[in-house]
Protein backbone atom coordinates (compact mmCIF):
# COMPACT_ATOMS: atom_id res chain seq x y z
CA MET A 1 -0.75 89.98 105.05
CA LEU A 2 -4.52 90.79 105.36
CA ILE A 3 -6.80 89.30 102.70
CA ASP A 4 -10.40 90.60 102.42
CA LEU A 5 -13.02 87.95 101.86
CA SER A 6 -16.10 90.11 101.82
CA HIS A 7 -18.38 91.63 99.25
CA ASP A 8 -19.15 95.34 99.34
CA VAL A 9 -22.58 96.34 100.62
CA ILE A 10 -24.13 98.73 98.02
CA ASP A 11 -27.46 100.51 98.04
CA GLY A 12 -30.10 98.45 96.38
CA MET A 13 -27.87 95.39 95.68
CA THR A 14 -29.15 91.88 95.54
CA THR A 15 -27.60 89.31 97.86
CA TYR A 16 -30.22 86.53 97.87
CA ARG A 17 -32.96 86.44 95.24
CA GLY A 18 -36.28 87.42 96.69
CA LEU A 19 -34.89 89.42 99.59
CA PRO A 20 -34.92 93.31 99.36
CA GLY A 21 -31.59 95.04 98.85
CA PRO A 22 -30.25 97.55 101.38
CA ILE A 23 -31.40 101.15 101.44
CA ILE A 24 -28.58 103.53 102.31
CA SER A 25 -29.42 107.13 102.84
CA ASP A 26 -28.58 110.26 104.95
CA HIS A 27 -29.90 110.64 108.48
CA LEU A 28 -27.92 113.91 108.77
CA SER A 29 -26.29 115.52 105.63
CA ARG A 30 -23.18 117.54 105.79
CA ALA A 31 -25.11 120.66 104.80
CA GLU A 32 -27.66 120.09 107.60
CA SER A 33 -24.91 119.48 110.18
CA ARG A 34 -23.26 122.93 109.56
CA ALA A 35 -26.09 124.56 111.50
CA ARG A 36 -25.22 122.37 114.56
CA TYR A 37 -21.51 122.92 114.74
CA ALA A 38 -18.99 125.65 114.72
CA PRO A 39 -18.00 127.14 111.32
CA GLY A 40 -15.80 124.75 109.42
CA THR A 41 -17.02 121.69 111.32
CA GLU A 42 -19.42 119.29 109.61
CA PHE A 43 -20.32 115.61 109.74
CA LYS A 44 -22.44 113.14 107.86
CA ILE A 45 -24.52 110.50 109.64
CA ARG A 46 -25.83 107.77 107.33
CA ARG A 47 -28.56 105.17 107.93
CA ILE A 48 -29.00 101.78 106.43
CA GLU A 49 -32.04 99.57 106.28
CA LEU A 50 -31.36 95.98 105.47
CA VAL A 51 -32.38 92.42 105.98
CA ALA A 52 -29.82 90.44 107.97
CA ASN A 53 -28.89 88.25 105.01
CA THR A 54 -27.12 90.97 103.11
CA GLY A 55 -23.62 90.83 101.61
CA THR A 56 -21.24 88.46 103.33
CA TYR A 57 -22.71 87.30 106.63
CA VAL A 58 -22.55 84.78 109.49
CA ASP A 59 -25.29 82.50 110.64
CA ALA A 60 -25.58 81.72 114.32
CA PRO A 61 -27.67 78.77 115.66
CA PHE A 62 -30.60 81.08 116.36
CA HIS A 63 -31.01 81.49 112.60
CA ARG A 64 -32.25 77.94 112.45
CA TYR A 65 -33.39 77.14 116.05
CA PRO A 66 -35.52 79.22 118.39
CA ASP A 67 -33.48 78.17 121.40
CA GLY A 68 -30.13 78.43 119.71
CA LYS A 69 -27.39 80.91 120.45
CA ASP A 70 -27.95 84.31 118.84
CA LEU A 71 -25.25 86.60 117.60
CA SER A 72 -24.62 88.20 120.96
CA GLN A 73 -24.07 84.67 122.46
CA LEU A 74 -21.59 83.38 119.85
CA PRO A 75 -18.28 82.85 121.55
CA LEU A 76 -15.56 84.94 119.89
CA ALA A 77 -13.44 81.83 119.72
CA SER A 78 -16.00 80.49 117.18
CA ILE A 79 -15.69 83.43 114.73
CA ALA A 80 -12.32 85.04 115.30
CA ASP A 81 -8.68 84.20 115.02
CA LEU A 82 -9.44 80.63 113.88
CA PRO A 83 -6.86 78.55 112.11
CA GLY A 84 -8.08 78.09 108.58
CA VAL A 85 -8.11 75.53 105.78
CA VAL A 86 -9.44 75.82 102.27
CA LEU A 87 -11.45 72.98 100.66
CA ARG A 88 -11.00 73.36 96.93
CA ALA A 89 -14.21 72.41 95.07
CA PRO A 90 -14.34 74.16 91.69
CA TYR A 91 -17.95 74.49 90.50
CA ALA A 92 -16.91 73.21 87.07
CA ARG A 93 -16.56 69.71 88.57
CA GLY A 94 -20.25 69.74 89.63
CA ARG A 95 -22.68 71.54 92.01
CA ALA A 96 -22.36 69.22 95.04
CA VAL A 97 -19.41 69.43 97.38
CA THR A 98 -19.12 65.79 98.26
CA PRO A 99 -17.29 63.88 101.08
CA GLU A 100 -14.39 62.67 98.99
CA LEU A 101 -13.14 66.17 98.76
CA LEU A 102 -12.34 66.07 102.45
CA ARG A 103 -9.88 63.27 102.01
CA GLY A 104 -6.62 64.03 103.72
CA LEU A 105 -7.89 67.40 105.04
CA ASP A 106 -7.43 68.15 108.74
CA VAL A 107 -10.35 70.20 109.82
CA ALA A 108 -10.28 69.80 113.60
CA GLY A 109 -10.68 73.11 115.34
CA LYS A 110 -10.45 75.10 112.08
CA ALA A 111 -12.48 77.34 109.92
CA VAL A 112 -13.17 75.37 106.75
CA LEU A 113 -13.66 77.69 103.76
CA VAL A 114 -15.14 76.02 100.67
CA HIS A 115 -13.60 77.57 97.51
CA THR A 116 -15.87 76.92 94.55
CA GLY A 117 -15.14 80.02 92.50
CA TRP A 118 -18.85 80.82 92.31
CA ASP A 119 -18.17 84.29 93.57
CA GLU A 120 -17.09 85.27 90.04
CA HIS A 121 -20.83 85.46 89.29
CA TRP A 122 -21.59 87.91 92.11
CA GLY A 123 -23.85 90.70 90.98
CA THR A 124 -25.28 88.71 88.06
CA ASP A 125 -28.55 86.79 87.61
CA ARG A 126 -26.51 83.58 87.61
CA TYR A 127 -25.12 83.98 91.08
CA GLY A 128 -28.42 83.09 92.80
CA GLY A 129 -29.49 80.57 90.26
CA GLU A 130 -29.91 76.87 90.41
CA GLY A 131 -26.32 76.19 89.31
CA SER A 132 -24.99 77.51 92.59
CA PRO A 133 -22.65 74.90 94.40
CA HIS A 134 -23.52 73.62 97.83
CA LEU A 135 -22.40 71.11 100.54
CA THR A 136 -24.21 67.81 100.80
CA GLU A 137 -25.64 66.62 104.10
CA GLU A 138 -23.00 63.88 104.19
CA THR A 139 -20.18 66.43 103.79
CA ALA A 140 -21.62 68.67 106.56
CA ARG A 141 -21.85 65.65 108.89
CA LEU A 142 -18.29 64.72 108.25
CA LEU A 143 -17.09 68.23 108.92
CA ALA A 144 -19.01 68.31 112.23
CA GLU A 145 -17.76 64.80 113.30
CA ARG A 146 -14.15 65.78 112.52
CA GLY A 147 -14.41 68.91 114.60
CA ALA A 148 -14.70 71.78 112.22
CA ARG A 149 -15.18 75.04 114.17
CA LEU A 150 -16.78 77.19 111.40
CA VAL A 151 -17.72 76.45 107.79
CA GLY A 152 -17.93 79.03 105.00
CA ILE A 153 -18.61 79.06 101.26
CA ASP A 154 -18.19 81.52 98.43
CA ALA A 155 -21.70 80.84 97.03
CA HIS A 156 -25.22 82.09 97.73
CA ASN A 157 -26.11 79.26 100.06
CA ILE A 158 -24.26 76.51 101.75
CA ASP A 159 -27.37 74.24 101.20
CA ASP A 160 -29.00 73.07 97.99
CA THR A 161 -31.81 75.55 97.56
CA THR A 162 -33.77 73.67 94.82
CA GLY A 163 -35.89 72.08 97.59
CA GLY A 164 -37.38 73.23 100.86
CA THR A 165 -35.06 71.45 103.27
CA ARG A 166 -31.81 72.86 104.53
CA PRO A 167 -29.86 69.84 105.96
CA VAL A 168 -26.48 71.55 106.15
CA HIS A 169 -27.83 74.47 108.15
CA THR A 170 -29.79 72.10 110.28
CA LEU A 171 -26.81 69.88 111.03
CA LEU A 172 -24.10 72.45 111.49
CA LEU A 173 -26.03 74.99 113.48
CA ALA A 174 -27.43 72.24 115.80
CA ARG A 175 -23.78 71.59 116.71
CA GLU A 176 -23.12 75.34 117.15
CA ILE A 177 -20.86 75.50 114.11
CA PRO A 178 -21.31 79.01 112.62
CA ILE A 179 -21.77 79.35 108.86
CA ALA A 180 -20.31 82.12 106.69
CA GLU A 181 -21.97 82.60 103.31
CA HIS A 182 -21.22 84.78 100.31
CA LEU A 183 -17.47 84.77 100.91
CA CYS A 184 -15.23 85.90 98.09
CA ASN A 185 -11.57 85.92 96.98
CA LEU A 186 -10.81 82.50 98.53
CA ARG A 187 -8.53 81.92 95.55
CA ALA A 188 -6.09 84.34 97.19
CA LEU A 189 -5.68 82.07 100.23
CA PRO A 190 -3.20 79.32 100.64
CA ASP A 191 -4.67 75.88 101.38
CA GLU A 192 -3.78 76.29 105.09
CA GLY A 193 -1.59 78.36 107.37
CA PHE A 194 -3.89 81.34 107.80
CA ARG A 195 -6.12 82.83 110.58
CA PHE A 196 -9.86 83.58 109.79
CA PHE A 197 -12.04 86.28 111.20
CA ALA A 198 -15.82 86.80 110.59
CA VAL A 199 -17.18 88.80 113.53
CA PRO A 200 -20.74 90.32 113.12
CA VAL A 201 -22.28 93.01 115.28
CA LYS A 202 -23.19 91.74 118.75
CA VAL A 203 -26.98 91.91 118.32
CA ARG A 204 -29.39 90.17 120.63
CA GLY A 205 -32.22 88.28 119.20
CA MET A 206 -30.76 87.90 115.71
CA GLY A 207 -29.22 84.87 114.03
CA THR A 208 -27.61 86.44 111.00
CA PHE A 209 -25.79 89.64 110.27
CA PRO A 210 -23.29 90.95 107.73
CA THR A 211 -19.54 90.68 108.61
CA ARG A 212 -16.21 91.91 107.27
CA ALA A 213 -14.66 88.54 106.86
CA PHE A 214 -10.91 88.45 106.29
CA ALA A 215 -7.85 86.25 106.80
CA ILE A 216 -4.30 86.91 108.03
CA VAL A 217 -1.64 85.04 106.08
CA ALA A 218 1.74 84.72 107.63
CA GLY A 219 4.53 86.49 105.63
């Protein structure tokens, strides 16, 4: 069974407060195309202008480090067909996803998806607000030390954005652990026993790009 874990990208939408929304328009309309093709044949070619941090996306090390791997250099094994595990951290318990939530969780070689439930606020002013859940630096360090392959979250940032530092990005991307942000629908996943995919376009010189994240659940 396939489970979609991505938000739709819609013209003008807000993903991250302060960043412009995507602009989706026609490059070639169907009416214009009729002059180029045989009668009864028409096409539409659309164009999109967006910042890389739009919708559900993946961060590569280059997002944080000038000498880090960019999207084109990410090994497919780090973003595709990964065994997955869900870390349940309901935002009602508090903003910070703290180390004790990892107790008993086998994360070695896996995509660790942090399910906070914050995606229910997607598209509202609250989504990008200060109540958004995040990982602590200690949690990120434990995930890295225990061999997590990728870490994702269903909130607007994996870090606490109330200050200027980004310790979780700093730590995970330094160890070449990709980050998936703005996931959704993690409630539909089992705690484990699924395969995770979040493959962005293979663009050189970029550290972030939207992705169609999804999971395959056996049975």
